[in-house]
Protein backbone atom coordinates (compact mmCIF):
# COMPACT_ATOMS: atom_id res chain seq x y z
CA MET A 1 2.72 -3.67 40.08
CA ASN A 2 6.22 -2.19 39.85
CA LEU A 3 8.09 -4.02 37.10
CA HIS A 4 11.44 -2.47 38.11
CA LEU A 5 12.23 -1.15 34.65
CA GLU A 6 13.18 2.41 35.60
CA GLU A 7 16.91 1.94 35.10
CA LYS A 8 16.63 0.05 31.82
CA THR A 9 17.00 1.11 28.18
CA ALA A 10 14.91 -0.62 25.53
CA LEU A 11 15.04 -0.65 21.74
CA VAL A 12 11.69 -1.51 20.15
CA THR A 13 11.89 -1.99 16.40
CA ALA A 14 9.04 -0.84 14.15
CA SER A 15 7.51 1.07 17.04
CA THR A 16 5.72 3.94 15.32
CA ALA A 17 2.37 2.12 15.15
CA GLY A 18 0.54 -1.07 16.07
CA ILE A 19 1.94 -3.58 18.52
CA GLY A 20 5.38 -1.96 18.49
CA PHE A 21 3.99 1.42 19.49
CA ALA A 22 1.89 -0.13 22.25
CA ILE A 23 4.98 -1.90 23.63
CA ALA A 24 7.04 1.29 23.49
CA GLN A 25 4.35 3.28 25.28
CA ALA A 26 3.86 0.62 27.96
CA LEU A 27 7.62 0.51 28.60
CA ALA A 28 7.70 4.31 28.82
CA GLU A 29 4.93 4.19 31.41
CA GLU A 30 7.18 1.93 33.50
CA GLY A 31 9.94 4.52 33.40
CA THR A 32 12.09 2.76 30.81
CA GLN A 33 14.27 4.81 28.47
CA VAL A 34 12.75 3.82 25.12
CA ILE A 35 14.34 4.02 21.69
CA LEU A 36 11.68 4.16 19.00
CA ASN A 37 12.33 3.07 15.44
CA GLY A 38 10.60 3.51 12.11
CA ARG A 39 11.50 4.00 8.47
CA THR A 40 11.10 7.80 8.39
CA VAL A 41 11.98 10.67 10.72
CA ASP A 42 8.41 12.00 10.55
CA ARG A 43 6.91 8.70 11.72
CA VAL A 44 9.40 8.38 14.55
CA GLU A 45 8.84 11.94 15.77
CA GLN A 46 5.06 11.58 15.57
CA ALA A 47 5.26 8.46 17.72
CA ARG A 48 7.46 10.23 20.26
CA ARG A 49 4.99 13.11 20.46
CA ARG A 50 2.07 10.72 20.96
CA ILE A 51 3.85 9.02 23.84
CA ALA A 52 4.86 12.34 25.39
CA ALA A 53 1.23 13.49 25.30
CA ASP A 54 0.03 10.40 27.17
CA VAL A 55 3.07 9.80 29.39
CA PRO A 56 4.42 13.16 30.66
CA HIS A 57 7.42 11.54 32.37
CA ALA A 58 8.36 9.50 29.27
CA ARG A 59 12.02 9.30 28.29
CA THR A 60 12.29 8.54 24.60
CA SER A 61 14.69 8.88 21.73
CA GLY A 62 14.30 7.71 18.17
CA ILE A 63 16.06 6.65 15.03
CA ALA A 64 14.80 6.32 11.47
CA ALA A 65 16.34 3.27 9.82
CA ASP A 66 15.23 0.42 7.58
CA LEU A 67 16.12 -2.60 9.71
CA SER A 68 15.40 -5.04 6.89
CA THR A 69 18.87 -4.10 5.62
CA ALA A 70 22.31 -4.62 7.13
CA ASP A 71 23.04 -0.91 6.64
CA GLY A 72 19.94 0.04 8.60
CA VAL A 73 20.92 -2.20 11.49
CA GLN A 74 24.44 -0.74 11.42
CA GLN A 75 22.98 2.77 11.75
CA VAL A 76 21.15 1.73 14.90
CA THR A 77 24.02 -0.15 16.53
CA ASP A 78 26.47 2.66 15.73
CA ARG A 79 24.25 5.16 17.53
CA PHE A 80 23.07 2.89 20.36
CA SER A 81 25.92 0.52 21.10
CA SER A 82 24.27 -1.10 24.11
CA VAL A 83 20.72 -1.67 25.34
CA ASP A 84 19.24 -3.67 28.20
CA ILE A 85 16.15 -4.75 26.29
CA LEU A 86 15.69 -5.57 22.60
CA VAL A 87 12.20 -6.12 21.25
CA ASN A 88 12.37 -7.48 17.70
CA ASN A 89 8.96 -6.36 16.52
CA LEU A 90 9.64 -5.49 12.88
CA GLY A 91 7.54 -7.63 10.57
CA ILE A 92 5.55 -7.61 7.35
CA PHE A 93 2.69 -9.75 6.08
CA ASP A 94 0.79 -10.14 2.84
CA VAL A 95 -2.01 -12.36 1.65
CA LYS A 96 -0.80 -14.20 -1.46
CA PRO A 97 -1.33 -17.70 -2.92
CA PHE A 98 1.77 -19.88 -2.59
CA PRO A 99 2.40 -20.27 -6.36
CA GLU A 100 2.54 -16.48 -6.70
CA ILE A 101 5.26 -15.98 -4.07
CA ASP A 102 8.46 -15.63 -6.06
CA ASP A 103 12.04 -15.85 -4.79
CA ALA A 104 12.35 -12.10 -4.34
CA GLU A 105 9.28 -12.04 -2.09
CA TRP A 106 10.58 -14.93 -0.01
CA PHE A 107 13.89 -13.15 0.49
CA ARG A 108 12.12 -9.87 1.34
CA PHE A 109 10.14 -11.61 4.07
CA PHE A 110 13.22 -13.32 5.50
CA GLU A 111 15.28 -10.12 5.43
CA THR A 112 12.54 -8.16 7.21
CA ASN A 113 10.98 -10.65 9.61
CA LEU A 114 14.02 -12.73 10.50
CA MET A 115 17.35 -11.18 9.52
CA SER A 116 16.56 -7.88 11.26
CA GLY A 117 16.33 -9.72 14.58
CA ILE A 118 19.34 -11.90 13.82
CA ARG A 119 21.56 -8.92 13.08
CA LEU A 120 20.44 -6.90 16.09
CA SER A 121 20.70 -9.87 18.44
CA ARG A 122 24.15 -10.70 17.13
CA HIS A 123 25.25 -7.22 18.20
CA TYR A 124 23.40 -6.81 21.50
CA LEU A 125 23.37 -10.32 22.98
CA PRO A 126 27.13 -10.52 23.72
CA ARG A 127 26.95 -7.16 25.48
CA MET A 128 23.99 -8.32 27.57
CA LYS A 129 25.93 -11.43 28.57
CA LYS A 130 28.91 -9.31 29.55
CA ASN A 131 26.62 -7.23 31.79
CA ASN A 132 24.94 -10.42 33.05
CA TRP A 133 21.49 -8.95 32.41
CA GLY A 134 19.33 -8.45 29.36
CA ARG A 135 16.08 -9.26 27.62
CA ILE A 136 15.52 -10.15 23.98
CA VAL A 137 11.95 -10.67 22.82
CA PHE A 138 10.89 -11.71 19.34
CA ILE A 139 7.34 -10.76 18.36
CA SER A 140 6.38 -13.88 16.45
CA SER A 141 2.78 -14.96 15.83
CA GLU A 142 0.34 -17.80 16.28
CA SER A 143 0.86 -18.13 12.53
CA GLY A 144 4.25 -19.61 13.39
CA LEU A 145 2.41 -22.62 14.82
CA HIS A 146 -0.82 -22.47 12.83
CA ILE A 147 0.57 -21.74 9.35
CA PRO A 148 -2.04 -19.81 7.33
CA MET A 149 -2.43 -21.16 3.81
CA GLU A 150 -3.17 -17.64 2.56
CA MET A 151 0.27 -16.34 3.62
CA ILE A 152 2.60 -19.30 3.99
CA HIS A 153 5.72 -17.14 3.63
CA TYR A 154 4.68 -15.07 6.64
CA GLY A 155 4.00 -18.18 8.73
CA VAL A 156 7.35 -19.73 7.84
CA THR A 157 9.28 -16.64 8.97
CA LYS A 158 7.30 -16.60 12.23
CA THR A 159 8.17 -20.25 12.85
CA ALA A 160 11.80 -19.37 12.24
CA GLN A 161 11.62 -16.60 14.84
CA ILE A 162 10.41 -19.06 17.47
CA ALA A 163 13.28 -21.41 16.65
CA LEU A 164 15.78 -18.55 16.66
CA ALA A 165 14.62 -17.30 20.06
CA ARG A 166 14.92 -20.79 21.55
CA GLY A 167 18.36 -21.30 20.05
CA LEU A 168 19.64 -17.98 21.38
CA ALA A 169 18.16 -18.77 24.80
CA GLU A 170 20.29 -21.91 24.90
CA THR A 171 23.39 -19.70 24.75
CA THR A 172 22.34 -17.75 27.86
CA ARG A 173 22.61 -20.70 30.27
CA GLY A 174 23.57 -19.57 33.77
CA THR A 175 23.35 -15.84 33.00
CA GLY A 176 20.88 -13.09 33.82
CA VAL A 177 19.91 -12.80 30.14
CA THR A 178 16.70 -14.26 28.72
CA VAL A 179 15.45 -14.71 25.16
CA ASN A 180 11.79 -15.45 24.49
CA SER A 181 9.23 -15.18 21.73
CA VAL A 182 5.71 -13.81 22.12
CA LEU A 183 3.01 -15.09 19.78
CA PRO A 184 0.10 -12.68 19.26
CA GLY A 185 -3.06 -13.84 17.57
CA PRO A 186 -5.12 -11.63 15.27
CA THR A 187 -4.54 -8.12 16.63
CA ARG A 188 -6.15 -4.83 15.71
CA SER A 189 -3.10 -3.09 14.29
CA GLU A 190 -2.72 -0.52 11.53
CA GLY A 191 -2.07 -3.26 8.98
CA ILE A 192 -5.05 -5.37 10.03
CA ASN A 193 -7.35 -2.36 9.91
CA ALA A 194 -6.27 -1.69 6.32
CA PHE A 195 -6.71 -5.37 5.46
CA ILE A 196 -10.27 -5.41 6.85
CA GLU A 197 -11.18 -2.12 5.17
CA ASN A 198 -9.97 -3.38 1.78
CA LEU A 199 -11.95 -6.61 2.14
CA ALA A 200 -15.05 -4.65 3.09
CA LYS A 201 -14.70 -2.49 -0.02
CA GLU A 202 -14.09 -5.50 -2.26
CA GLN A 203 -17.13 -7.31 -0.84
CA ASN A 204 -19.24 -4.14 -0.59
CA THR A 205 -20.12 -4.91 3.01
CA ALA A 206 -19.60 -3.49 6.48
CA LYS A 207 -16.30 -3.88 8.33
CA ARG A 208 -18.15 -5.52 11.23
CA ASP A 209 -19.46 -8.24 8.90
CA VAL A 210 -15.99 -8.83 7.46
CA GLU A 211 -14.55 -9.24 10.96
CA GLU A 212 -17.24 -11.72 11.94
CA GLN A 213 -16.63 -13.69 8.75
CA PHE A 214 -12.88 -13.62 9.38
CA PHE A 215 -13.29 -15.46 12.68
CA GLU A 216 -15.86 -17.85 11.27
CA ASP A 217 -13.78 -18.82 8.23
CA MET A 218 -10.11 -18.07 8.94
CA ARG A 219 -9.69 -18.26 12.73
CA PRO A 220 -12.63 -20.39 13.92
CA THR A 221 -10.64 -21.73 16.89
CA SER A 222 -10.31 -18.28 18.46
CA LEU A 223 -11.83 -18.36 21.93
CA ILE A 224 -12.25 -14.61 22.26
CA GLN A 225 -13.73 -14.31 18.73
CA ARG A 226 -12.37 -10.81 18.23
CA PHE A 227 -9.19 -8.99 17.39
CA ALA A 228 -7.00 -8.41 20.40
CA ASP A 229 -6.08 -4.86 21.29
CA THR A 230 -2.41 -3.98 20.82
CA ARG A 231 -2.17 -3.12 24.50
CA GLU A 232 -3.25 -6.64 25.44
CA VAL A 233 -0.19 -7.91 23.61
CA ALA A 234 2.06 -5.19 25.02
CA ASN A 235 1.13 -6.06 28.60
CA LEU A 236 2.64 -9.53 28.23
CA VAL A 237 5.71 -8.27 26.37
CA VAL A 238 6.52 -5.66 29.02
CA TYR A 239 6.33 -8.28 31.78
CA VAL A 240 8.68 -10.54 29.82
CA CYS A 241 11.08 -7.58 29.50
CA SER A 242 11.10 -7.02 33.25
CA PRO A 243 13.32 -8.42 36.01
CA LEU A 244 10.21 -10.15 37.40
CA SER A 245 10.29 -12.60 34.47
CA SER A 246 13.75 -13.94 35.33
CA ALA A 247 12.67 -17.61 35.30
CA THR A 248 11.05 -17.34 31.87
CA ASN A 249 13.65 -18.19 29.25
CA GLY A 250 13.47 -19.98 25.91
CA ALA A 251 9.69 -19.84 25.98
CA ALA A 252 7.15 -19.26 23.21
CA LEU A 253 4.41 -17.34 25.01
CA ARG A 254 1.00 -17.14 23.37
CA VAL A 255 -1.30 -14.15 23.57
CA ASP A 256 -3.39 -15.50 20.72
CA GLY A 257 -6.91 -15.46 22.10
CA GLY A 258 -6.93 -19.25 22.17
CA VAL A 259 -6.48 -19.73 18.41
CA VAL A 260 -3.88 -22.47 18.87
CA ARG A 261 -5.45 -25.56 20.45
CA ALA A 262 -2.23 -27.45 21.15
CA ILE A 263 -1.05 -27.90 24.73
CA PRO A 264 1.35 -26.41 25.71
């Protein structure tokens, strides 16, 4: 299927690994000019080389900037004043009991998971409206609906992203701009792999056993009973970024493996 993305430019935040990298690569395969982002030049350049090796026709550029800060966002918007597609993928998570989450940690999660997308959207959305075309996608999580007690701060920021996306979508009425959120379930990313490996070491057991226990104890409602591949998430995101998704606006789209039982 041709998604008609050849003439578009996309900024994908935190795109040097995991879901962000998979989205960037999938967009590059569709002919999109992709701007990759990470915290260091080395990580950004490594990601660009990986995409170039797999996608010979890829058109990529990159910028190293910490988008959890206003200065980092300013660096990006100064260099790339306008984009057609913004994928707010930057996010952090951590397993921590609620009483141990201090104010500084709450603010760190809000600055990274929420304010990065707020600041970038505040810059790019008016320009998209002026051009009467654009796509903003927030990579939220099923944890925004199914708040995990082991990382409440993460879940709260993911709920806020869903609300933010819907609110911004309301401002696009009658335009060719859409704003949506995509809610992955447990996904085999770099961070999840490290999480599973650490648990396996702590419990002195095999990674396979830890994964099975994870779905039995922590995500028993999963219908696929496995971690999704990052490309499975990227496939949905790239469609939502395309002109073919023009009637999808203000939606919270789940690619969660059936974890969330609520309808819709």
